[in-house]
Each structure stands twice: as C-alpha cells, then as structure tokens.
Amino acid sequence: MSPIAEIAEAMKEFPEALLIVDTVSSFSHSADSDGRAWDRCVAHGLAKSAGDAPGLALFSASERAFARAQQVAGRGYYFDIIESRRIRPRI
C-alpha cells in the first residue's frame, strides 16, 4: 500500500500536477474522506476489497480534474470524466 497522504502532501510542491490514484484492495485504507488529497481515484476489483459484486468499479474526480479534462482535445471516451458527468448511473 502506498502512503497516499504523504504523497499528496509532497504533491503540493507541484500545483500543476494532478494526483491520480489507481487502487484495488487498498481502497478501504486509502479512501480520501475529505475529498482534498487526490484529483482522481479509480477503484476496481471491489469484490476483493469491499466484498462487492464482481466487475464493479468506482471513481471520483475533483473539480480541478474536471477543469483540466475540459482542456484536452481528443480525450477519447473510455474513462472520460466529462462524459461521466453527463451520463449519471441509474440505481
């Protein structure tokens, strides 16, 4: 498991860089409860870490990440956070 809080603190020296976290089993240990440490987090394999349904994946993105994504031409579609904001899951 990576020390996310310490990495986020060090990232403050580089305000132009985004902190993107890809997590599987450490999701429950590295969750960013206040929403300020990372700009984007993708959690997959949650059946392993949270006892959820196989194939389930979650992600979160900061407003800073959304603003940066809007500046990228040709982002593609897969994992496009701008598109994810347009299409909300129906539960």
N, C-alpha and C. Protein backbone atom coordinates (compact mmCIF):
# COMPACT_ATOMS: atom_id res chain seq x y z
N MET A 1 0.84 -1.19 0.00
CA MET A 1 0.00 0.00 0.00
C MET A 1 0.88 1.24 0.00
N SER A 2 0.51 2.17 -0.81
CA SER A 2 1.28 3.41 -0.91
C SER A 2 0.81 4.42 0.13
N PRO A 3 1.70 5.24 0.63
CA PRO A 3 1.34 6.25 1.62
C PRO A 3 0.68 7.47 0.94
N ILE A 4 -0.60 7.36 0.60
CA ILE A 4 -1.30 8.38 -0.19
C ILE A 4 -1.26 9.75 0.48
N ALA A 5 -1.48 9.81 1.77
CA ALA A 5 -1.49 11.11 2.46
C ALA A 5 -0.13 11.80 2.34
N GLU A 6 0.95 11.04 2.48
CA GLU A 6 2.28 11.61 2.39
C GLU A 6 2.59 12.05 0.95
N ILE A 7 2.16 11.24 -0.02
CA ILE A 7 2.37 11.60 -1.42
C ILE A 7 1.58 12.87 -1.75
N ALA A 8 0.34 12.96 -1.28
CA ALA A 8 -0.49 14.15 -1.51
C ALA A 8 0.16 15.39 -0.92
N GLU A 9 0.76 15.25 0.23
CA GLU A 9 1.45 16.38 0.87
C GLU A 9 2.63 16.83 0.02
N ALA A 10 3.41 15.87 -0.49
CA ALA A 10 4.56 16.20 -1.33
C ALA A 10 4.13 16.82 -2.66
N MET A 11 2.96 16.44 -3.16
CA MET A 11 2.45 16.95 -4.43
C MET A 11 2.13 18.45 -4.36
N LYS A 12 1.98 18.99 -3.17
CA LYS A 12 1.68 20.42 -3.02
C LYS A 12 2.80 21.29 -3.58
N GLU A 13 4.00 20.72 -3.72
CA GLU A 13 5.12 21.45 -4.31
C GLU A 13 4.98 21.59 -5.82
N PHE A 14 4.05 20.83 -6.41
CA PHE A 14 3.86 20.81 -7.86
C PHE A 14 2.39 21.07 -8.17
N PRO A 15 1.92 22.31 -8.02
CA PRO A 15 0.49 22.61 -8.15
C PRO A 15 -0.09 22.33 -9.54
N GLU A 16 0.75 22.24 -10.56
CA GLU A 16 0.24 21.96 -11.91
C GLU A 16 -0.01 20.47 -12.13
N ALA A 17 0.52 19.62 -11.27
CA ALA A 17 0.36 18.16 -11.41
C ALA A 17 -0.90 17.68 -10.70
N LEU A 18 -1.55 16.69 -11.31
CA LEU A 18 -2.72 16.06 -10.69
C LEU A 18 -2.29 14.76 -10.04
N LEU A 19 -2.87 14.45 -8.90
CA LEU A 19 -2.60 13.19 -8.22
C LEU A 19 -3.72 12.22 -8.58
N ILE A 20 -3.35 11.15 -9.29
CA ILE A 20 -4.30 10.14 -9.73
C ILE A 20 -3.97 8.84 -9.01
N VAL A 21 -4.95 8.27 -8.35
CA VAL A 21 -4.76 7.06 -7.56
C VAL A 21 -5.54 5.92 -8.22
N ASP A 22 -4.85 4.82 -8.48
CA ASP A 22 -5.46 3.60 -9.01
C ASP A 22 -5.35 2.57 -7.90
N THR A 23 -6.46 2.10 -7.41
CA THR A 23 -6.43 1.23 -6.25
C THR A 23 -7.30 -0.01 -6.46
N VAL A 24 -6.93 -1.07 -5.80
CA VAL A 24 -7.74 -2.29 -5.81
C VAL A 24 -8.04 -2.63 -4.36
N SER A 25 -7.23 -3.46 -3.76
CA SER A 25 -7.53 -3.91 -2.41
C SER A 25 -7.25 -2.87 -1.34
N SER A 26 -6.46 -1.84 -1.64
CA SER A 26 -6.17 -0.83 -0.62
C SER A 26 -7.21 0.28 -0.59
N PHE A 27 -8.26 0.17 -1.38
CA PHE A 27 -9.28 1.22 -1.45
C PHE A 27 -9.82 1.59 -0.08
N SER A 28 -10.15 0.59 0.72
CA SER A 28 -10.74 0.87 2.02
C SER A 28 -9.74 1.54 2.97
N HIS A 29 -8.45 1.39 2.70
CA HIS A 29 -7.43 2.01 3.56
C HIS A 29 -6.98 3.37 3.05
N SER A 30 -7.18 3.63 1.75
CA SER A 30 -6.67 4.87 1.19
C SER A 30 -7.79 5.84 0.82
N ALA A 31 -9.01 5.57 1.24
CA ALA A 31 -10.13 6.43 0.89
C ALA A 31 -9.89 7.86 1.38
N ASP A 32 -10.19 8.79 0.54
CA ASP A 32 -9.98 10.22 0.80
C ASP A 32 -11.29 10.80 1.31
N SER A 33 -11.49 10.76 2.61
CA SER A 33 -12.79 11.13 3.16
C SER A 33 -13.11 12.61 3.03
N ASP A 34 -12.12 13.47 2.97
CA ASP A 34 -12.43 14.90 2.85
C ASP A 34 -12.38 15.40 1.42
N GLY A 35 -11.98 14.56 0.48
CA GLY A 35 -12.01 14.92 -0.93
C GLY A 35 -10.95 15.91 -1.38
N ARG A 36 -9.88 16.07 -0.61
CA ARG A 36 -8.87 17.06 -0.99
C ARG A 36 -7.52 16.47 -1.33
N ALA A 37 -7.28 15.21 -1.05
CA ALA A 37 -5.94 14.66 -1.26
C ALA A 37 -5.65 14.34 -2.72
N TRP A 38 -6.60 13.72 -3.42
CA TRP A 38 -6.32 13.35 -4.80
C TRP A 38 -7.27 14.04 -5.75
N ASP A 39 -6.86 14.08 -7.02
CA ASP A 39 -7.69 14.69 -8.05
C ASP A 39 -8.54 13.66 -8.76
N ARG A 40 -8.05 12.44 -8.80
CA ARG A 40 -8.83 11.38 -9.43
C ARG A 40 -8.46 10.06 -8.79
N CYS A 41 -9.47 9.24 -8.51
CA CYS A 41 -9.25 7.91 -7.96
C CYS A 41 -10.10 6.93 -8.73
N VAL A 42 -9.51 5.84 -9.15
CA VAL A 42 -10.23 4.75 -9.80
C VAL A 42 -10.04 3.53 -8.92
N ALA A 43 -11.15 2.97 -8.48
CA ALA A 43 -11.11 1.78 -7.63
C ALA A 43 -11.79 0.63 -8.37
N HIS A 44 -11.04 -0.39 -8.69
CA HIS A 44 -11.60 -1.54 -9.38
C HIS A 44 -11.29 -2.79 -8.58
N GLY A 45 -11.94 -3.86 -8.88
CA GLY A 45 -11.74 -5.09 -8.11
C GLY A 45 -12.32 -4.97 -6.73
N LEU A 46 -13.43 -4.25 -6.60
CA LEU A 46 -14.00 -4.03 -5.27
C LEU A 46 -14.58 -5.28 -4.65
N ALA A 47 -14.80 -6.33 -5.44
CA ALA A 47 -15.23 -7.60 -4.87
C ALA A 47 -14.17 -8.10 -3.89
N LYS A 48 -12.92 -7.75 -4.19
CA LYS A 48 -11.79 -8.17 -3.36
C LYS A 48 -11.69 -7.33 -2.09
N SER A 49 -11.87 -6.02 -2.19
CA SER A 49 -11.62 -5.15 -1.04
C SER A 49 -12.86 -4.81 -0.23
N ALA A 50 -14.01 -4.76 -0.88
CA ALA A 50 -15.22 -4.32 -0.18
C ALA A 50 -16.31 -5.38 -0.17
N GLY A 51 -16.01 -6.53 -0.72
CA GLY A 51 -17.00 -7.59 -0.74
C GLY A 51 -18.17 -7.28 -1.65
N ASP A 52 -17.94 -6.48 -2.68
CA ASP A 52 -18.99 -6.08 -3.60
C ASP A 52 -19.06 -7.02 -4.79
N ALA A 53 -19.99 -6.71 -5.69
CA ALA A 53 -20.21 -7.54 -6.87
C ALA A 53 -18.98 -7.54 -7.78
N PRO A 54 -18.65 -8.69 -8.37
CA PRO A 54 -17.53 -8.75 -9.31
C PRO A 54 -17.77 -7.80 -10.49
N GLY A 55 -16.72 -7.13 -10.92
CA GLY A 55 -16.82 -6.21 -12.06
C GLY A 55 -17.17 -4.79 -11.69
N LEU A 56 -17.51 -4.53 -10.45
CA LEU A 56 -17.87 -3.18 -10.03
C LEU A 56 -16.62 -2.31 -9.93
N ALA A 57 -16.72 -1.09 -10.42
CA ALA A 57 -15.62 -0.13 -10.30
C ALA A 57 -16.22 1.22 -9.93
N LEU A 58 -15.50 1.98 -9.15
CA LEU A 58 -15.90 3.32 -8.75
C LEU A 58 -14.81 4.30 -9.10
N PHE A 59 -15.18 5.56 -9.28
CA PHE A 59 -14.15 6.57 -9.43
C PHE A 59 -14.66 7.88 -8.87
N SER A 60 -13.74 8.71 -8.50
CA SER A 60 -14.07 10.07 -8.08
C SER A 60 -13.11 11.00 -8.79
N ALA A 61 -13.55 12.23 -8.97
CA ALA A 61 -12.71 13.23 -9.62
C ALA A 61 -12.98 14.59 -9.00
N SER A 62 -11.93 15.35 -8.80
CA SER A 62 -12.06 16.68 -8.23
C SER A 62 -12.50 17.68 -9.30
N GLU A 63 -12.95 18.82 -8.88
CA GLU A 63 -13.31 19.89 -9.83
C GLU A 63 -12.08 20.30 -10.64
N ARG A 64 -10.92 20.24 -10.01
CA ARG A 64 -9.67 20.56 -10.70
C ARG A 64 -9.41 19.57 -11.84
N ALA A 65 -9.70 18.29 -11.60
CA ALA A 65 -9.53 17.28 -12.64
C ALA A 65 -10.52 17.50 -13.78
N PHE A 66 -11.77 17.85 -13.45
CA PHE A 66 -12.76 18.14 -14.50
C PHE A 66 -12.32 19.34 -15.34
N ALA A 67 -11.83 20.38 -14.69
CA ALA A 67 -11.38 21.57 -15.42
C ALA A 67 -10.21 21.23 -16.35
N ARG A 68 -9.28 20.42 -15.89
CA ARG A 68 -8.14 20.03 -16.72
C ARG A 68 -8.60 19.17 -17.89
N ALA A 69 -9.53 18.25 -17.65
CA ALA A 69 -10.02 17.37 -18.72
C ALA A 69 -10.71 18.16 -19.82
N GLN A 70 -11.39 19.23 -19.47
CA GLN A 70 -12.07 20.06 -20.47
C GLN A 70 -11.08 20.72 -21.43
N GLN A 71 -9.84 20.85 -21.03
CA GLN A 71 -8.82 21.47 -21.87
C GLN A 71 -8.16 20.49 -22.84
N VAL A 72 -8.46 19.20 -22.69
CA VAL A 72 -7.81 18.17 -23.51
C VAL A 72 -8.69 17.82 -24.70
N ALA A 73 -8.16 18.09 -25.89
CA ALA A 73 -8.87 17.72 -27.12
C ALA A 73 -8.63 16.24 -27.40
N GLY A 74 -9.62 15.56 -27.92
CA GLY A 74 -9.46 14.15 -28.28
C GLY A 74 -9.19 13.26 -27.08
N ARG A 75 -9.92 13.47 -25.99
CA ARG A 75 -9.73 12.70 -24.77
C ARG A 75 -10.07 11.23 -24.94
N GLY A 76 -10.85 10.91 -25.96
CA GLY A 76 -11.36 9.55 -26.08
C GLY A 76 -12.64 9.43 -25.28
N TYR A 77 -13.12 8.23 -25.14
CA TYR A 77 -14.41 8.02 -24.46
C TYR A 77 -14.25 7.20 -23.20
N TYR A 78 -13.37 6.21 -23.23
CA TYR A 78 -13.18 5.31 -22.10
C TYR A 78 -12.56 6.07 -20.93
N PHE A 79 -13.19 6.05 -19.79
CA PHE A 79 -12.77 6.77 -18.59
C PHE A 79 -12.77 8.28 -18.77
N ASP A 80 -13.59 8.80 -19.68
CA ASP A 80 -13.69 10.24 -19.87
C ASP A 80 -14.56 10.81 -18.75
N ILE A 81 -13.95 11.58 -17.86
CA ILE A 81 -14.71 12.07 -16.71
C ILE A 81 -15.73 13.13 -17.11
N ILE A 82 -15.51 13.82 -18.22
CA ILE A 82 -16.51 14.78 -18.69
C ILE A 82 -17.77 14.03 -19.12
N GLU A 83 -17.60 12.94 -19.84
CA GLU A 83 -18.74 12.12 -20.25
C GLU A 83 -19.44 11.50 -19.05
N SER A 84 -18.67 11.12 -18.04
CA SER A 84 -19.28 10.51 -16.86
C SER A 84 -20.18 11.49 -16.12
N ARG A 85 -19.89 12.74 -16.20
CA ARG A 85 -20.73 13.74 -15.56
C ARG A 85 -22.05 13.91 -16.32
N ARG A 86 -21.99 13.70 -17.63
CA ARG A 86 -23.17 13.82 -18.46
C ARG A 86 -24.11 12.62 -18.27
N ILE A 87 -23.54 11.43 -18.17
CA ILE A 87 -24.32 10.21 -18.02
C ILE A 87 -24.25 9.77 -16.57
N ARG A 88 -25.29 9.95 -15.86
CA ARG A 88 -25.33 9.57 -14.43
C ARG A 88 -25.88 8.15 -14.31
N PRO A 89 -25.32 7.36 -13.41
CA PRO A 89 -25.83 5.99 -13.24
C PRO A 89 -27.26 6.01 -12.68
N ARG A 90 -28.02 5.08 -13.14
CA ARG A 90 -29.40 4.95 -12.66
C ARG A 90 -29.47 3.76 -11.73
N ILE A 91 -29.75 4.01 -10.48
CA ILE A 91 -29.79 2.94 -9.48
C ILE A 91 -31.23 2.71 -9.04
